[in-house]
Amino acid sequence: MRDEPAEPSSDIRERVKQARFIQHERLAKHNVFTNSEMSSRLIKEFCPLNEAGTKLLEQAIKTKHLSARAYTRVLKISRTIADLAGVGMIKPEHLLEALQYRPITVEL
């Protein structure tokens, strides 16, 4: 059970508006307006990882058997999570959150 109150929807709305503004400012000159539209080249430019993030993602690729498509989706989602947090660099916690959104596959 959470002891802290939930974030008001008005605050969430403002964070989303700010994140969309950040994305627009970052990507508009490339005729792209959201992180989900980024090409591989733009992902390389705008989704750099530090050493800890790189190791974490490499481990996830091996253990979760991520495809190239899944890898790029995780990076795009991580970039969005970082934007929502108002930080410029994707941190390991952003990658971990993005990886949590991956569907769980069960082999029968």
C-alpha atoms as a PDB file:
ATOM      1  CA  MET A   1       0.000   0.000   0.000  1.00  0.00           C
ATOM      2  CA  ARG A   2       1.259   3.476  -0.885  1.00  0.00           C
ATOM      3  CA  ASP A   3       1.685   6.019   1.895  1.00  0.00           C
ATOM      4  CA  GLU A   4       2.252   8.912  -0.469  1.00  0.00           C
ATOM      5  CA  PRO A   5      -0.687  10.525  -2.282  1.00  0.00           C
ATOM      6  CA  ALA A   6      -1.115   9.949  -5.999  1.00  0.00           C
ATOM      7  CA  GLU A   7       0.156  12.623  -8.355  1.00  0.00           C
ATOM      8  CA  PRO A   8      -2.685  14.944  -9.402  1.00  0.00           C
ATOM      9  CA  SER A   9      -3.764  14.572 -13.025  1.00  0.00           C
ATOM     10  CA  SER A  10      -3.105  18.284 -13.601  1.00  0.00           C
ATOM     11  CA  ASP A  11       0.561  17.715 -12.685  1.00  0.00           C
ATOM     12  CA  ILE A  12       0.760  14.708 -14.979  1.00  0.00           C
ATOM     13  CA  ARG A  13      -0.801  16.724 -17.802  1.00  0.00           C
ATOM     14  CA  GLU A  14       1.865  19.429 -17.351  1.00  0.00           C
ATOM     15  CA  ARG A  15       4.688  16.868 -17.391  1.00  0.00           C
ATOM     16  CA  VAL A  16       3.300  15.357 -20.588  1.00  0.00           C
ATOM     17  CA  LYS A  17       2.964  18.783 -22.203  1.00  0.00           C
ATOM     18  CA  GLN A  18       6.546  19.617 -21.236  1.00  0.00           C
ATOM     19  CA  ALA A  19       7.826  16.265 -22.553  1.00  0.00           C
ATOM     20  CA  ARG A  20       6.009  16.810 -25.865  1.00  0.00           C
ATOM     21  CA  PHE A  21       7.539  20.300 -26.091  1.00  0.00           C
ATOM     22  CA  ILE A  22      11.029  18.865 -25.455  1.00  0.00           C
ATOM     23  CA  GLN A  23      10.486  16.257 -28.166  1.00  0.00           C
ATOM     24  CA  HIS A  24       9.216  18.853 -30.608  1.00  0.00           C
ATOM     25  CA  GLU A  25      12.213  21.118 -29.967  1.00  0.00           C
ATOM     26  CA  ARG A  26      14.641  18.206 -30.334  1.00  0.00           C
ATOM     27  CA  LEU A  27      13.140  16.634 -33.439  1.00  0.00           C
ATOM     28  CA  ALA A  28      11.343  19.316 -35.473  1.00  0.00           C
ATOM     29  CA  LYS A  29      14.306  20.093 -37.730  1.00  0.00           C
ATOM     30  CA  HIS A  30      14.258  16.410 -38.733  1.00  0.00           C
ATOM     31  CA  ASN A  31      10.524  16.564 -39.637  1.00  0.00           C
ATOM     32  CA  VAL A  32       9.796  14.233 -36.746  1.00  0.00           C
ATOM     33  CA  PHE A  33       7.727  15.302 -33.760  1.00  0.00           C
ATOM     34  CA  THR A  34       7.682  12.434 -31.260  1.00  0.00           C
ATOM     35  CA  ASN A  35      10.211   9.924 -29.997  1.00  0.00           C
ATOM     36  CA  SER A  36       8.165   7.088 -31.462  1.00  0.00           C
ATOM     37  CA  GLU A  37       8.895   8.417 -34.968  1.00  0.00           C
ATOM     38  CA  MET A  38      12.690   8.470 -34.594  1.00  0.00           C
ATOM     39  CA  SER A  39      14.761   6.657 -37.208  1.00  0.00           C
ATOM     40  CA  SER A  40      17.806   4.564 -36.329  1.00  0.00           C
ATOM     41  CA  ARG A  41      20.042   7.544 -37.053  1.00  0.00           C
ATOM     42  CA  LEU A  42      18.039   9.773 -34.704  1.00  0.00           C
ATOM     43  CA  ILE A  43      18.016   7.093 -32.016  1.00  0.00           C
ATOM     44  CA  LYS A  44      21.827   6.997 -32.148  1.00  0.00           C
ATOM     45  CA  GLU A  45      21.939  10.785 -31.877  1.00  0.00           C
ATOM     46  CA  PHE A  46      19.334  11.340 -29.172  1.00  0.00           C
ATOM     47  CA  CYS A  47      19.409   8.134 -27.114  1.00  0.00           C
ATOM     48  CA  PRO A  48      23.022   7.823 -25.969  1.00  0.00           C
ATOM     49  CA  LEU A  49      23.601   5.562 -22.989  1.00  0.00           C
ATOM     50  CA  ASN A  50      26.263   5.725 -20.329  1.00  0.00           C
ATOM     51  CA  GLU A  51      28.313   2.624 -19.517  1.00  0.00           C
ATOM     52  CA  ALA A  52      25.831   1.356 -16.924  1.00  0.00           C
ATOM     53  CA  GLY A  53      22.930   1.787 -19.340  1.00  0.00           C
ATOM     54  CA  THR A  54      24.798   0.041 -22.145  1.00  0.00           C
ATOM     55  CA  LYS A  55      25.616  -2.936 -19.899  1.00  0.00           C
ATOM     56  CA  LEU A  56      22.034  -3.124 -18.677  1.00  0.00           C
ATOM     57  CA  LEU A  57      20.640  -3.140 -22.204  1.00  0.00           C
ATOM     58  CA  GLU A  58      23.208  -5.717 -23.363  1.00  0.00           C
ATOM     59  CA  GLN A  59      22.158  -7.959 -20.484  1.00  0.00           C
ATOM     60  CA  ALA A  60      18.488  -7.491 -21.377  1.00  0.00           C
ATOM     61  CA  ILE A  61      19.201  -8.404 -25.008  1.00  0.00           C
ATOM     62  CA  LYS A  62      20.784 -11.663 -23.877  1.00  0.00           C
ATOM     63  CA  THR A  63      18.320 -12.639 -21.159  1.00  0.00           C
ATOM     64  CA  LYS A  64      15.107 -11.413 -22.781  1.00  0.00           C
ATOM     65  CA  HIS A  65      16.230 -12.256 -26.329  1.00  0.00           C
ATOM     66  CA  LEU A  66      15.293  -8.795 -27.611  1.00  0.00           C
ATOM     67  CA  SER A  67      15.074  -8.389 -31.359  1.00  0.00           C
ATOM     68  CA  ALA A  68      16.514  -5.333 -33.098  1.00  0.00           C
ATOM     69  CA  ARG A  69      12.998  -3.916 -33.279  1.00  0.00           C
ATOM     70  CA  ALA A  70      12.436  -4.473 -29.553  1.00  0.00           C
ATOM     71  CA  TYR A  71      15.825  -2.885 -28.798  1.00  0.00           C
ATOM     72  CA  THR A  72      14.887   0.302 -30.664  1.00  0.00           C
ATOM     73  CA  ARG A  73      11.460   0.412 -29.036  1.00  0.00           C
ATOM     74  CA  VAL A  74      13.032   0.148 -25.576  1.00  0.00           C
ATOM     75  CA  LEU A  75      15.359   3.037 -26.422  1.00  0.00           C
ATOM     76  CA  LYS A  76      12.498   5.199 -27.708  1.00  0.00           C
ATOM     77  CA  ILE A  77      10.387   4.464 -24.635  1.00  0.00           C
ATOM     78  CA  SER A  78      13.371   5.136 -22.363  1.00  0.00           C
ATOM     79  CA  ARG A  79      13.907   8.484 -24.103  1.00  0.00           C
ATOM     80  CA  THR A  80      10.250   9.355 -23.452  1.00  0.00           C
ATOM     81  CA  ILE A  81      10.508   8.334 -19.792  1.00  0.00           C
ATOM     82  CA  ALA A  82      13.609  10.524 -19.429  1.00  0.00           C
ATOM     83  CA  ASP A  83      11.724  13.398 -21.099  1.00  0.00           C
ATOM     84  CA  LEU A  84       8.838  12.961 -18.653  1.00  0.00           C
ATOM     85  CA  ALA A  85      11.374  13.085 -15.810  1.00  0.00           C
ATOM     86  CA  GLY A  86      12.837  16.265 -17.298  1.00  0.00           C
ATOM     87  CA  VAL A  87      16.353  14.896 -17.707  1.00  0.00           C
ATOM     88  CA  GLY A  88      18.562  14.977 -20.785  1.00  0.00           C
ATOM     89  CA  MET A  89      20.362  11.655 -20.396  1.00  0.00           C
ATOM     90  CA  ILE A  90      18.686   8.256 -20.401  1.00  0.00           C
ATOM     91  CA  LYS A  91      19.493   6.657 -17.045  1.00  0.00           C
ATOM     92  CA  PRO A  92      19.451   2.952 -16.143  1.00  0.00           C
ATOM     93  CA  GLU A  93      16.193   3.435 -14.227  1.00  0.00           C
ATOM     94  CA  HIS A  94      14.551   4.713 -17.423  1.00  0.00           C
ATOM     95  CA  LEU A  95      15.709   1.597 -19.271  1.00  0.00           C
ATOM     96  CA  LEU A  96      14.457  -0.641 -16.468  1.00  0.00           C
ATOM     97  CA  GLU A  97      11.043   0.998 -16.561  1.00  0.00           C
ATOM     98  CA  ALA A  98      10.872   0.660 -20.358  1.00  0.00           C
ATOM     99  CA  LEU A  99      11.859  -3.004 -20.123  1.00  0.00           C
ATOM    100  CA  GLN A 100       9.009  -3.590 -17.672  1.00  0.00           C
ATOM    101  CA  TYR A 101       6.566  -2.647 -20.413  1.00  0.00           C
ATOM    102  CA  ARG A 102       7.788  -5.470 -22.649  1.00  0.00           C
ATOM    103  CA  PRO A 103       5.257  -8.285 -22.952  1.00  0.00           C
ATOM    104  CA  ILE A 104       6.090 -11.466 -21.122  1.00  0.00           C
ATOM    105  CA  THR A 105       6.326 -14.437 -23.453  1.00  0.00           C
ATOM    106  CA  VAL A 106       5.611 -17.887 -22.177  1.00  0.00           C
ATOM    107  CA  GLU A 107       6.842 -20.926 -24.025  1.00  0.00           C
ATOM    108  CA  LEU A 108       4.510 -23.908 -23.891  1.00  0.00           C
END
